[in-house]
N, C-alpha and C. Protein backbone atom coordinates (compact mmCIF):
# COMPACT_ATOMS: atom_id res chain seq x y z
N MET A 1 -6.25 25.94 -8.79
CA MET A 1 -5.38 25.14 -8.09
C MET A 1 -5.09 23.89 -8.84
N ASN A 2 -6.18 23.24 -9.47
CA ASN A 2 -5.84 22.07 -10.15
C ASN A 2 -4.96 22.31 -11.52
N SER A 3 -5.08 23.46 -12.13
CA SER A 3 -4.43 23.70 -13.32
C SER A 3 -2.93 23.88 -12.88
N LEU A 4 -2.74 24.51 -11.73
CA LEU A 4 -1.34 24.66 -11.26
C LEU A 4 -0.68 23.29 -11.02
N LEU A 5 -1.41 22.41 -10.43
CA LEU A 5 -0.92 21.15 -10.16
C LEU A 5 -0.52 20.29 -11.50
N ILE A 6 -1.59 20.46 -12.34
CA ILE A 6 -1.21 19.78 -13.70
C ILE A 6 -0.03 20.30 -14.39
N THR A 7 0.06 21.75 -14.38
CA THR A 7 1.24 22.29 -14.93
C THR A 7 2.55 21.87 -14.29
N LEU A 8 2.66 21.72 -12.98
CA LEU A 8 3.72 21.28 -12.26
C LEU A 8 4.16 19.84 -12.65
N ILE A 9 3.13 19.04 -12.80
CA ILE A 9 3.33 17.52 -13.15
C ILE A 9 3.99 17.49 -14.47
N PHE A 10 3.29 18.15 -15.48
CA PHE A 10 3.85 18.11 -16.89
C PHE A 10 5.38 18.67 -16.93
N THR A 11 5.50 19.82 -16.26
CA THR A 11 6.94 20.34 -16.20
C THR A 11 7.92 19.38 -15.63
N SER A 12 7.52 18.76 -14.55
CA SER A 12 8.59 17.72 -13.93
C SER A 12 8.69 16.66 -14.93
N LEU A 13 7.71 16.18 -15.57
CA LEU A 13 7.91 15.08 -16.51
C LEU A 13 8.80 15.51 -17.62
N GLY A 14 8.59 16.68 -18.05
CA GLY A 14 9.49 17.24 -19.27
C GLY A 14 10.94 17.28 -18.74
N LEU A 15 11.21 17.78 -17.59
CA LEU A 15 12.46 17.90 -17.09
C LEU A 15 13.19 16.54 -16.83
N SER A 16 12.46 15.64 -16.38
CA SER A 16 12.89 14.39 -16.05
C SER A 16 13.25 13.63 -17.34
N GLN A 17 12.52 13.87 -18.40
CA GLN A 17 12.86 13.24 -19.68
C GLN A 17 14.17 13.77 -20.24
N ASP A 18 14.37 15.08 -20.09
CA ASP A 18 15.60 15.62 -20.53
C ASP A 18 16.90 15.04 -19.69
N ALA A 19 16.74 14.90 -18.40
CA ALA A 19 17.67 14.26 -17.58
C ALA A 19 18.02 12.81 -17.91
N ILE A 20 16.91 12.21 -18.28
CA ILE A 20 17.15 10.71 -18.69
C ILE A 20 17.91 10.62 -19.98
N ALA A 21 17.57 11.44 -20.94
CA ALA A 21 18.17 11.50 -22.21
C ALA A 21 19.65 11.81 -22.09
N GLN A 22 19.92 12.82 -21.22
CA GLN A 22 21.43 13.24 -21.06
C GLN A 22 22.14 12.09 -20.40
N SER A 23 21.54 11.49 -19.45
CA SER A 23 22.15 10.32 -18.70
C SER A 23 22.45 9.27 -19.57
N ARG A 24 21.55 8.93 -20.52
CA ARG A 24 21.80 7.76 -21.48
C ARG A 24 22.93 8.16 -22.35
N LEU A 25 23.03 9.38 -22.90
CA LEU A 25 24.05 9.97 -23.79
C LEU A 25 25.39 9.77 -23.02
N LEU A 26 25.56 10.14 -21.80
CA LEU A 26 26.84 10.05 -21.03
C LEU A 26 27.12 8.70 -20.66
N GLU A 27 26.09 7.87 -20.38
CA GLU A 27 26.40 6.45 -20.06
C GLU A 27 26.90 5.68 -21.32
N GLY A 28 26.51 6.03 -22.47
CA GLY A 28 26.73 5.44 -23.65
C GLY A 28 28.34 5.63 -23.92
N VAL A 29 28.81 6.85 -23.69
CA VAL A 29 30.21 7.04 -23.84
C VAL A 29 31.02 6.40 -22.71
N LYS A 30 30.50 6.31 -21.60
CA LYS A 30 31.13 5.66 -20.47
C LYS A 30 31.25 4.20 -20.76
N ARG A 31 30.34 3.63 -21.27
CA ARG A 31 30.39 2.16 -21.56
C ARG A 31 31.21 1.81 -22.77
N ASN A 32 31.42 2.93 -23.60
CA ASN A 32 32.16 2.63 -24.80
C ASN A 32 33.45 3.69 -25.02
N PRO A 33 34.39 3.30 -24.35
CA PRO A 33 35.59 4.26 -24.20
C PRO A 33 36.10 4.52 -25.67
N ASP A 34 35.96 3.62 -26.57
CA ASP A 34 36.54 3.88 -27.87
C ASP A 34 35.76 5.12 -28.54
N GLU A 35 34.52 5.26 -28.19
CA GLU A 35 33.81 6.47 -28.72
C GLU A 35 34.36 7.81 -28.03
N ALA A 36 34.70 7.78 -26.81
CA ALA A 36 35.26 8.76 -26.12
C ALA A 36 36.66 9.08 -26.70
N LYS A 37 37.42 8.08 -27.01
CA LYS A 37 38.78 8.25 -27.64
C LYS A 37 38.67 8.92 -28.95
N SER A 38 37.63 8.57 -29.71
CA SER A 38 37.40 9.13 -31.10
C SER A 38 37.09 10.54 -30.93
N ILE A 39 36.19 10.94 -29.93
CA ILE A 39 35.95 12.35 -29.75
C ILE A 39 37.15 13.16 -29.22
N CYS A 40 37.99 12.51 -28.46
CA CYS A 40 39.22 13.23 -27.99
C CYS A 40 40.09 13.39 -29.12
N LYS A 41 40.21 12.47 -30.13
CA LYS A 41 41.07 12.65 -31.29
C LYS A 41 40.64 13.87 -32.13
N THR A 42 39.26 13.95 -32.31
CA THR A 42 38.75 15.14 -32.93
C THR A 42 39.10 16.40 -32.19
N PHE A 43 39.04 16.48 -30.90
CA PHE A 43 39.42 17.56 -30.09
C PHE A 43 40.89 18.02 -30.21
N ARG A 44 41.79 16.99 -30.31
CA ARG A 44 43.14 17.20 -30.38
C ARG A 44 43.48 17.80 -31.84
N GLU A 45 42.76 17.29 -32.79
CA GLU A 45 42.90 17.78 -34.18
C GLU A 45 42.51 19.34 -34.24
N LEU A 46 41.35 19.62 -33.68
CA LEU A 46 40.91 20.96 -33.59
C LEU A 46 41.91 21.81 -32.74
N ASN A 47 42.42 21.31 -31.66
CA ASN A 47 43.41 22.09 -30.91
C ASN A 47 44.70 22.41 -31.82
N LYS A 48 45.06 21.53 -32.64
CA LYS A 48 46.23 21.80 -33.44
C LYS A 48 46.04 22.91 -34.37
N GLU A 49 44.71 23.20 -34.63
CA GLU A 49 44.39 24.32 -35.56
C GLU A 49 44.01 25.52 -34.66
N ASN A 50 44.23 25.45 -33.37
CA ASN A 50 43.99 26.54 -32.45
C ASN A 50 42.45 26.73 -32.19
N ILE A 51 41.69 25.63 -32.35
CA ILE A 51 40.31 25.76 -32.19
C ILE A 51 39.92 25.00 -30.96
N SER A 52 39.23 25.65 -30.06
CA SER A 52 38.81 25.01 -28.74
C SER A 52 37.84 23.93 -28.95
N ALA A 53 37.94 22.91 -28.06
CA ALA A 53 36.96 21.85 -28.12
C ALA A 53 35.65 22.24 -27.66
N GLY A 54 35.56 23.36 -26.99
CA GLY A 54 34.37 24.01 -26.54
C GLY A 54 33.76 24.97 -27.49
N SER A 55 34.39 25.15 -28.58
CA SER A 55 33.97 26.23 -29.58
C SER A 55 32.69 25.81 -30.33
N SER A 56 32.10 26.84 -30.90
CA SER A 56 30.72 26.51 -31.39
C SER A 56 30.89 25.56 -32.73
N LYS A 57 32.10 25.80 -33.34
CA LYS A 57 32.46 24.78 -34.49
C LYS A 57 32.55 23.31 -34.01
N SER A 58 33.10 23.08 -32.88
CA SER A 58 33.30 21.82 -32.36
C SER A 58 31.94 21.26 -31.90
N ILE A 59 31.24 22.04 -31.10
CA ILE A 59 29.90 21.67 -30.62
C ILE A 59 29.01 21.27 -31.83
N GLN A 60 29.01 22.08 -32.83
CA GLN A 60 28.07 21.77 -34.08
C GLN A 60 28.51 20.47 -34.66
N GLN A 61 29.84 20.24 -34.81
CA GLN A 61 30.42 19.03 -35.35
C GLN A 61 29.86 17.79 -34.66
N ILE A 62 29.95 17.84 -33.27
CA ILE A 62 29.50 16.73 -32.43
C ILE A 62 28.05 16.65 -32.54
N SER A 63 27.25 17.70 -32.63
CA SER A 63 25.76 17.71 -32.67
C SER A 63 25.43 16.91 -33.95
N ILE A 64 26.13 17.25 -35.09
CA ILE A 64 25.80 16.68 -36.40
C ILE A 64 26.19 15.13 -36.47
N GLN A 65 27.35 15.01 -35.96
CA GLN A 65 27.93 13.52 -35.90
C GLN A 65 26.96 12.55 -35.01
N LYS A 66 26.59 13.04 -33.95
CA LYS A 66 25.88 12.30 -33.01
C LYS A 66 24.28 12.38 -33.20
N ASN A 67 23.91 13.38 -34.10
CA ASN A 67 22.45 13.55 -34.26
C ASN A 67 21.75 13.98 -32.94
N ILE A 68 22.41 14.83 -32.17
CA ILE A 68 21.91 15.39 -30.93
C ILE A 68 21.83 16.88 -30.98
N SER A 69 21.12 17.51 -30.00
CA SER A 69 21.00 18.94 -29.98
C SER A 69 22.36 19.54 -29.61
N GLU A 70 22.57 20.74 -29.85
CA GLU A 70 23.84 21.50 -29.54
C GLU A 70 24.03 21.50 -28.05
N VAL A 71 22.98 21.53 -27.28
CA VAL A 71 22.96 21.67 -25.81
C VAL A 71 23.58 20.25 -25.34
N ASP A 72 23.09 19.16 -25.86
CA ASP A 72 23.54 17.89 -25.56
C ASP A 72 24.91 17.66 -25.92
N ALA A 73 25.30 18.18 -27.12
CA ALA A 73 26.66 18.13 -27.65
C ALA A 73 27.62 18.79 -26.68
N GLU A 74 27.32 19.90 -26.20
CA GLU A 74 28.08 20.74 -25.33
C GLU A 74 28.25 19.95 -24.00
N ILE A 75 27.20 19.41 -23.47
CA ILE A 75 27.30 18.48 -22.25
C ILE A 75 28.17 17.32 -22.47
N LEU A 76 28.10 16.67 -23.63
CA LEU A 76 28.94 15.55 -24.02
C LEU A 76 30.47 15.96 -24.07
N SER A 77 30.62 17.16 -24.72
CA SER A 77 31.97 17.60 -24.81
C SER A 77 32.68 17.83 -23.53
N MET A 78 32.02 18.45 -22.64
CA MET A 78 32.53 18.75 -21.20
C MET A 78 32.79 17.40 -20.50
N TYR A 79 31.92 16.49 -20.68
CA TYR A 79 32.11 15.19 -19.98
C TYR A 79 33.20 14.37 -20.52
N VAL A 80 33.32 14.37 -21.84
CA VAL A 80 34.46 13.55 -22.41
C VAL A 80 35.73 14.30 -22.12
N ARG A 81 35.84 15.57 -22.21
CA ARG A 81 37.07 16.28 -21.93
C ARG A 81 37.52 15.99 -20.60
N GLY A 82 36.58 16.19 -19.57
CA GLY A 82 36.74 16.02 -18.17
C GLY A 82 37.28 14.70 -17.81
N LEU A 83 36.71 13.52 -18.42
CA LEU A 83 37.17 12.20 -18.01
C LEU A 83 38.27 11.67 -18.90
N TYR A 84 38.31 11.98 -20.16
CA TYR A 84 39.13 11.22 -21.04
C TYR A 84 40.35 12.08 -21.70
N CYS A 85 40.04 13.23 -21.91
CA CYS A 85 41.16 14.12 -22.42
C CYS A 85 41.28 15.56 -21.83
N PRO A 86 41.54 15.58 -20.52
CA PRO A 86 41.55 16.93 -19.91
C PRO A 86 42.60 17.85 -20.46
N GLU A 87 43.61 17.33 -21.23
CA GLU A 87 44.63 18.11 -21.77
C GLU A 87 44.16 19.10 -22.90
N THR A 88 43.08 18.69 -23.52
CA THR A 88 42.56 19.48 -24.56
C THR A 88 41.93 20.68 -24.08
N PHE A 89 41.96 21.84 -24.97
CA PHE A 89 41.27 23.02 -24.44
C PHE A 89 40.06 23.46 -25.30
């Protein structure tokens, strides 16, 4: 019983750390619209080449530029597209 409780505590701590990190990532873009505009510009350039902003190439590019995981880059991509440049595909 105690080991189950300890496992649940550590699991919830790990999940909350991920949520906090993602929240900081999104808040950073929210507070700095120029960063979002820059990302949108990149998406528009990719779209001109018929490459989706949600493509693996785009996600990898964001991941490298921001030094974040590809999962976080995908979340950031969806957030930025939804709020700042919904016309991109």
